[in-house]
Amino acid sequence: MAGKSGDLRPIIRLRSTAGTGYTYVTRKSRRNTPDRLVLKKYDPIARRHVEFKEAR
C-alpha cells in the first residue's frame, strides 16, 4: 500500500542547487507543508552546505 498517489506522506527527492546533481530522498507531510520544500543540507560533491530544493 506504500505506492498510493494520494499518500499523505509522499516520497520526495531533494536536488542540490549547486549543480552537482546530488540528491537526498525523504518524505514530507502534504498537510503541514503543501509548498515545495527547501532545506540546507551538506553536498559531499561540492563539500559545503547548500540549499536543496524539492524536485518532482
PDB file of N, CA and C in Angstrom:
ATOM      1  N   MET A   1       0.805  -1.192   0.000  1.00  0.00           N
ATOM      2  CA  MET A   1       0.000   0.000   0.000  1.00  0.00           C
ATOM      3  C   MET A   1       0.857   1.270   0.000  1.00  0.00           C
ATOM      4  N   ALA A   2       2.161   1.157  -0.073  1.00  0.00           N
ATOM      5  CA  ALA A   2       3.040   2.314   0.069  1.00  0.00           C
ATOM      6  C   ALA A   2       3.167   3.143  -1.196  1.00  0.00           C
ATOM      7  N   GLY A   3       2.629   2.711  -2.320  1.00  0.00           N
ATOM      8  CA  GLY A   3       2.818   3.449  -3.552  1.00  0.00           C
ATOM      9  C   GLY A   3       1.592   4.222  -4.017  1.00  0.00           C
ATOM     10  N   LYS A   4       0.692   4.539  -3.111  1.00  0.00           N
ATOM     11  CA  LYS A   4      -0.533   5.222  -3.499  1.00  0.00           C
ATOM     12  C   LYS A   4      -0.247   6.665  -3.915  1.00  0.00           C
ATOM     13  N   SER A   5      -0.969   7.151  -4.902  1.00  0.00           N
ATOM     14  CA  SER A   5      -0.760   8.520  -5.366  1.00  0.00           C
ATOM     15  C   SER A   5      -1.370   9.530  -4.400  1.00  0.00           C
ATOM     16  N   GLY A   6      -2.370   9.156  -3.634  1.00  0.00           N
ATOM     17  CA  GLY A   6      -2.991  10.058  -2.677  1.00  0.00           C
ATOM     18  C   GLY A   6      -2.386   9.945  -1.289  1.00  0.00           C
ATOM     19  N   ASP A   7      -1.172   9.470  -1.204  1.00  0.00           N
ATOM     20  CA  ASP A   7      -0.498   9.258   0.069  1.00  0.00           C
ATOM     21  C   ASP A   7      -0.296  10.582   0.799  1.00  0.00           C
ATOM     22  N   LEU A   8      -0.521  10.590   2.117  1.00  0.00           N
ATOM     23  CA  LEU A   8      -0.370  11.808   2.907  1.00  0.00           C
ATOM     24  C   LEU A   8       1.096  12.190   3.072  1.00  0.00           C
ATOM     25  N   ARG A   9       1.993  11.206   3.107  1.00  0.00           N
ATOM     26  CA  ARG A   9       3.429  11.482   3.250  1.00  0.00           C
ATOM     27  C   ARG A   9       4.184  10.891   2.060  1.00  0.00           C
ATOM     28  N   PRO A  10       4.191  11.591   0.921  1.00  0.00           N
ATOM     29  CA  PRO A  10       4.846  11.050  -0.267  1.00  0.00           C
ATOM     30  C   PRO A  10       6.370  11.123  -0.176  1.00  0.00           C
ATOM     31  N   ILE A  11       7.031  10.266  -0.925  1.00  0.00           N
ATOM     32  CA  ILE A  11       8.487  10.289  -1.024  1.00  0.00           C
ATOM     33  C   ILE A  11       8.857  11.388  -2.010  1.00  0.00           C
ATOM     34  N   ILE A  12       9.767  12.273  -1.591  1.00  0.00           N
ATOM     35  CA  ILE A  12      10.202  13.363  -2.464  1.00  0.00           C
ATOM     36  C   ILE A  12      11.708  13.300  -2.632  1.00  0.00           C
ATOM     37  N   ARG A  13      12.200  13.953  -3.678  1.00  0.00           N
ATOM     38  CA  ARG A  13      13.620  13.999  -3.970  1.00  0.00           C
ATOM     39  C   ARG A  13      14.090  15.439  -3.827  1.00  0.00           C
ATOM     40  N   LEU A  14      15.136  15.655  -3.020  1.00  0.00           N
ATOM     41  CA  LEU A  14      15.720  16.978  -2.827  1.00  0.00           C
ATOM     42  C   LEU A  14      16.969  17.068  -3.691  1.00  0.00           C
ATOM     43  N   ARG A  15      17.001  18.025  -4.616  1.00  0.00           N
ATOM     44  CA  ARG A  15      18.115  18.169  -5.554  1.00  0.00           C
ATOM     45  C   ARG A  15      18.958  19.388  -5.179  1.00  0.00           C
ATOM     46  N   SER A  16      20.280  19.240  -5.253  1.00  0.00           N
ATOM     47  CA  SER A  16      21.214  20.300  -4.886  1.00  0.00           C
ATOM     48  C   SER A  16      21.129  21.472  -5.850  1.00  0.00           C
ATOM     49  N   THR A  17      21.192  22.689  -5.293  1.00  0.00           N
ATOM     50  CA  THR A  17      21.195  23.886  -6.128  1.00  0.00           C
ATOM     51  C   THR A  17      22.609  24.249  -6.573  1.00  0.00           C
ATOM     52  N   ALA A  18      23.617  23.494  -6.120  1.00  0.00           N
ATOM     53  CA  ALA A  18      24.999  23.764  -6.521  1.00  0.00           C
ATOM     54  C   ALA A  18      25.304  23.216  -7.911  1.00  0.00           C
ATOM     55  N   GLY A  19      24.362  22.474  -8.490  1.00  0.00           N
ATOM     56  CA  GLY A  19      24.557  21.962  -9.839  1.00  0.00           C
ATOM     57  C   GLY A  19      25.381  20.690  -9.910  1.00  0.00           C
ATOM     58  N   THR A  20      25.541  19.997  -8.790  1.00  0.00           N
ATOM     59  CA  THR A  20      26.340  18.780  -8.773  1.00  0.00           C
ATOM     60  C   THR A  20      25.510  17.547  -9.129  1.00  0.00           C
ATOM     61  N   GLY A  21      24.197  17.665  -9.044  1.00  0.00           N
ATOM     62  CA  GLY A  21      23.335  16.527  -9.329  1.00  0.00           C
ATOM     63  C   GLY A  21      23.112  15.621  -8.135  1.00  0.00           C
ATOM     64  N   TYR A  22      23.645  15.982  -6.973  1.00  0.00           N
ATOM     65  CA  TYR A  22      23.479  15.173  -5.770  1.00  0.00           C
ATOM     66  C   TYR A  22      22.060  15.329  -5.236  1.00  0.00           C
ATOM     67  N   THR A  23      21.450  14.241  -4.769  1.00  0.00           N
ATOM     68  CA  THR A  23      20.083  14.279  -4.260  1.00  0.00           C
ATOM     69  C   THR A  23      19.972  13.566  -2.922  1.00  0.00           C
ATOM     70  N   TYR A  24      19.010  14.001  -2.142  1.00  0.00           N
ATOM     71  CA  TYR A  24      18.572  13.312  -0.935  1.00  0.00           C
ATOM     72  C   TYR A  24      17.153  12.841  -1.190  1.00  0.00           C
ATOM     73  N   VAL A  25      16.762  11.730  -0.585  1.00  0.00           N
ATOM     74  CA  VAL A  25      15.396  11.230  -0.696  1.00  0.00           C
ATOM     75  C   VAL A  25      14.799  11.238   0.703  1.00  0.00           C
ATOM     76  N   THR A  26      13.608  11.824   0.826  1.00  0.00           N
ATOM     77  CA  THR A  26      12.951  11.920   2.124  1.00  0.00           C
ATOM     78  C   THR A  26      11.446  11.888   1.928  1.00  0.00           C
ATOM     79  N   ARG A  27      10.706  12.004   3.020  1.00  0.00           N
ATOM     80  CA  ARG A  27       9.246  12.069   2.970  1.00  0.00           C
ATOM     81  C   ARG A  27       8.821  13.404   3.561  1.00  0.00           C
ATOM     82  N   LYS A  28       7.672  13.901   3.133  1.00  0.00           N
ATOM     83  CA  LYS A  28       7.141  15.121   3.727  1.00  0.00           C
ATOM     84  C   LYS A  28       5.640  14.987   3.902  1.00  0.00           C
ATOM     85  N   SER A  29       5.109  15.772   4.804  1.00  0.00           N
ATOM     86  CA  SER A  29       3.678  15.774   5.061  1.00  0.00           C
ATOM     87  C   SER A  29       3.013  16.802   4.153  1.00  0.00           C
ATOM     88  N   ARG A  30       2.073  16.352   3.340  1.00  0.00           N
ATOM     89  CA  ARG A  30       1.351  17.277   2.459  1.00  0.00           C
ATOM     90  C   ARG A  30       0.478  18.234   3.252  1.00  0.00           C
ATOM     91  N   ARG A  31       0.001  17.797   4.395  1.00  0.00           N
ATOM     92  CA  ARG A  31      -0.892  18.632   5.201  1.00  0.00           C
ATOM     93  C   ARG A  31      -0.132  19.786   5.853  1.00  0.00           C
ATOM     94  N   ASN A  32       1.058  19.533   6.387  1.00  0.00           N
ATOM     95  CA  ASN A  32       1.814  20.571   7.097  1.00  0.00           C
ATOM     96  C   ASN A  32       2.633  21.456   6.163  1.00  0.00           C
ATOM     97  N   THR A  33       3.166  20.893   5.066  1.00  0.00           N
ATOM     98  CA  THR A  33       3.986  21.670   4.129  1.00  0.00           C
ATOM     99  C   THR A  33       3.507  21.420   2.710  1.00  0.00           C
ATOM    100  N   PRO A  34       2.453  22.134   2.287  1.00  0.00           N
ATOM    101  CA  PRO A  34       1.945  21.925   0.934  1.00  0.00           C
ATOM    102  C   PRO A  34       2.839  22.527  -0.146  1.00  0.00           C
ATOM    103  N   ASP A  35       3.683  23.508   0.231  1.00  0.00           N
ATOM    104  CA  ASP A  35       4.588  24.129  -0.739  1.00  0.00           C
ATOM    105  C   ASP A  35       5.806  23.248  -0.965  1.00  0.00           C
ATOM    106  N   ARG A  36       6.601  23.621  -1.954  1.00  0.00           N
ATOM    107  CA  ARG A  36       7.828  22.859  -2.205  1.00  0.00           C
ATOM    108  C   ARG A  36       8.819  23.073  -1.074  1.00  0.00           C
ATOM    109  N   LEU A  37       9.492  22.019  -0.705  1.00  0.00           N
ATOM    110  CA  LEU A  37      10.402  22.021   0.423  1.00  0.00           C
ATOM    111  C   LEU A  37      11.778  22.527   0.002  1.00  0.00           C
ATOM    112  N   VAL A  38      12.400  23.381   0.827  1.00  0.00           N
ATOM    113  CA  VAL A  38      13.771  23.853   0.601  1.00  0.00           C
ATOM    114  C   VAL A  38      14.508  23.686   1.918  1.00  0.00           C
ATOM    115  N   LEU A  39      15.578  22.880   1.901  1.00  0.00           N
ATOM    116  CA  LEU A  39      16.374  22.634   3.101  1.00  0.00           C
ATOM    117  C   LEU A  39      17.838  22.895   2.810  1.00  0.00           C
ATOM    118  N   LYS A  40      18.582  23.332   3.834  1.00  0.00           N
ATOM    119  CA  LYS A  40      20.013  23.499   3.694  1.00  0.00           C
ATOM    120  C   LYS A  40      20.681  22.243   4.225  1.00  0.00           C
ATOM    121  N   LYS A  41      21.358  21.517   3.333  1.00  0.00           N
ATOM    122  CA  LYS A  41      21.985  20.256   3.702  1.00  0.00           C
ATOM    123  C   LYS A  41      23.380  20.196   3.110  1.00  0.00           C
ATOM    124  N   TYR A  42      24.152  19.196   3.518  1.00  0.00           N
ATOM    125  CA  TYR A  42      25.529  19.054   3.068  1.00  0.00           C
ATOM    126  C   TYR A  42      25.585  18.362   1.710  1.00  0.00           C
ATOM    127  N   ASP A  43      26.317  18.958   0.782  1.00  0.00           N
ATOM    128  CA  ASP A  43      26.553  18.368  -0.538  1.00  0.00           C
ATOM    129  C   ASP A  43      27.998  17.852  -0.549  1.00  0.00           C
ATOM    130  N   PRO A  44      28.199  16.527  -0.529  1.00  0.00           N
ATOM    131  CA  PRO A  44      29.565  15.992  -0.453  1.00  0.00           C
ATOM    132  C   PRO A  44      30.384  16.223  -1.712  1.00  0.00           C
ATOM    133  N   ILE A  45      29.740  16.453  -2.847  1.00  0.00           N
ATOM    134  CA  ILE A  45      30.491  16.718  -4.070  1.00  0.00           C
ATOM    135  C   ILE A  45      31.028  18.142  -4.050  1.00  0.00           C
ATOM    136  N   ALA A  46      30.191  19.104  -3.627  1.00  0.00           N
ATOM    137  CA  ALA A  46      30.618  20.499  -3.514  1.00  0.00           C
ATOM    138  C   ALA A  46      31.399  20.734  -2.220  1.00  0.00           C
ATOM    139  N   ARG A  47      31.290  19.795  -1.277  1.00  0.00           N
ATOM    140  CA  ARG A  47      31.970  19.839   0.019  1.00  0.00           C
ATOM    141  C   ARG A  47      31.609  21.082   0.821  1.00  0.00           C
ATOM    142  N   ARG A  48      30.296  21.416   0.817  1.00  0.00           N
ATOM    143  CA  ARG A  48      29.792  22.516   1.627  1.00  0.00           C
ATOM    144  C   ARG A  48      28.285  22.376   1.771  1.00  0.00           C
ATOM    145  N   HIS A  49      27.706  23.168   2.648  1.00  0.00           N
ATOM    146  CA  HIS A  49      26.257  23.160   2.820  1.00  0.00           C
ATOM    147  C   HIS A  49      25.626  24.080   1.774  1.00  0.00           C
ATOM    148  N   VAL A  50      24.638  23.567   1.077  1.00  0.00           N
ATOM    149  CA  VAL A  50      23.919  24.327   0.059  1.00  0.00           C
ATOM    150  C   VAL A  50      22.423  24.071   0.219  1.00  0.00           C
ATOM    151  N   GLU A  51      21.612  24.837  -0.493  1.00  0.00           N
ATOM    152  CA  GLU A  51      20.175  24.631  -0.449  1.00  0.00           C
ATOM    153  C   GLU A  51      19.805  23.465  -1.357  1.00  0.00           C
ATOM    154  N   PHE A  52      18.909  22.640  -0.873  1.00  0.00           N
ATOM    155  CA  PHE A  52      18.358  21.541  -1.648  1.00  0.00           C
ATOM    156  C   PHE A  52      16.880  21.829  -1.825  1.00  0.00           C
ATOM    157  N   LYS A  53      16.406  21.813  -3.080  1.00  0.00           N
ATOM    158  CA  LYS A  53      15.009  22.103  -3.379  1.00  0.00           C
ATOM    159  C   LYS A  53      14.296  20.845  -3.830  1.00  0.00           C
ATOM    160  N   GLU A  54      13.024  20.809  -3.533  1.00  0.00           N
ATOM    161  CA  GLU A  54      12.209  19.657  -3.893  1.00  0.00           C
ATOM    162  C   GLU A  54      12.043  19.571  -5.422  1.00  0.00           C
ATOM    163  N   ALA A  55      12.376  18.429  -5.968  1.00  0.00           N
ATOM    164  CA  ALA A  55      12.204  18.172  -7.400  1.00  0.00           C
ATOM    165  C   ALA A  55      11.118  17.128  -7.561  1.00  0.00           C
ATOM    166  N   ARG A  56      10.187  17.352  -8.484  1.00  0.00           N
ATOM    167  CA  ARG A  56       9.074  16.410  -8.647  1.00  0.00           C
ATOM    168  C   ARG A  56       9.215  15.599  -9.889  1.00  0.00           C
TER     169      ARG A  56
END
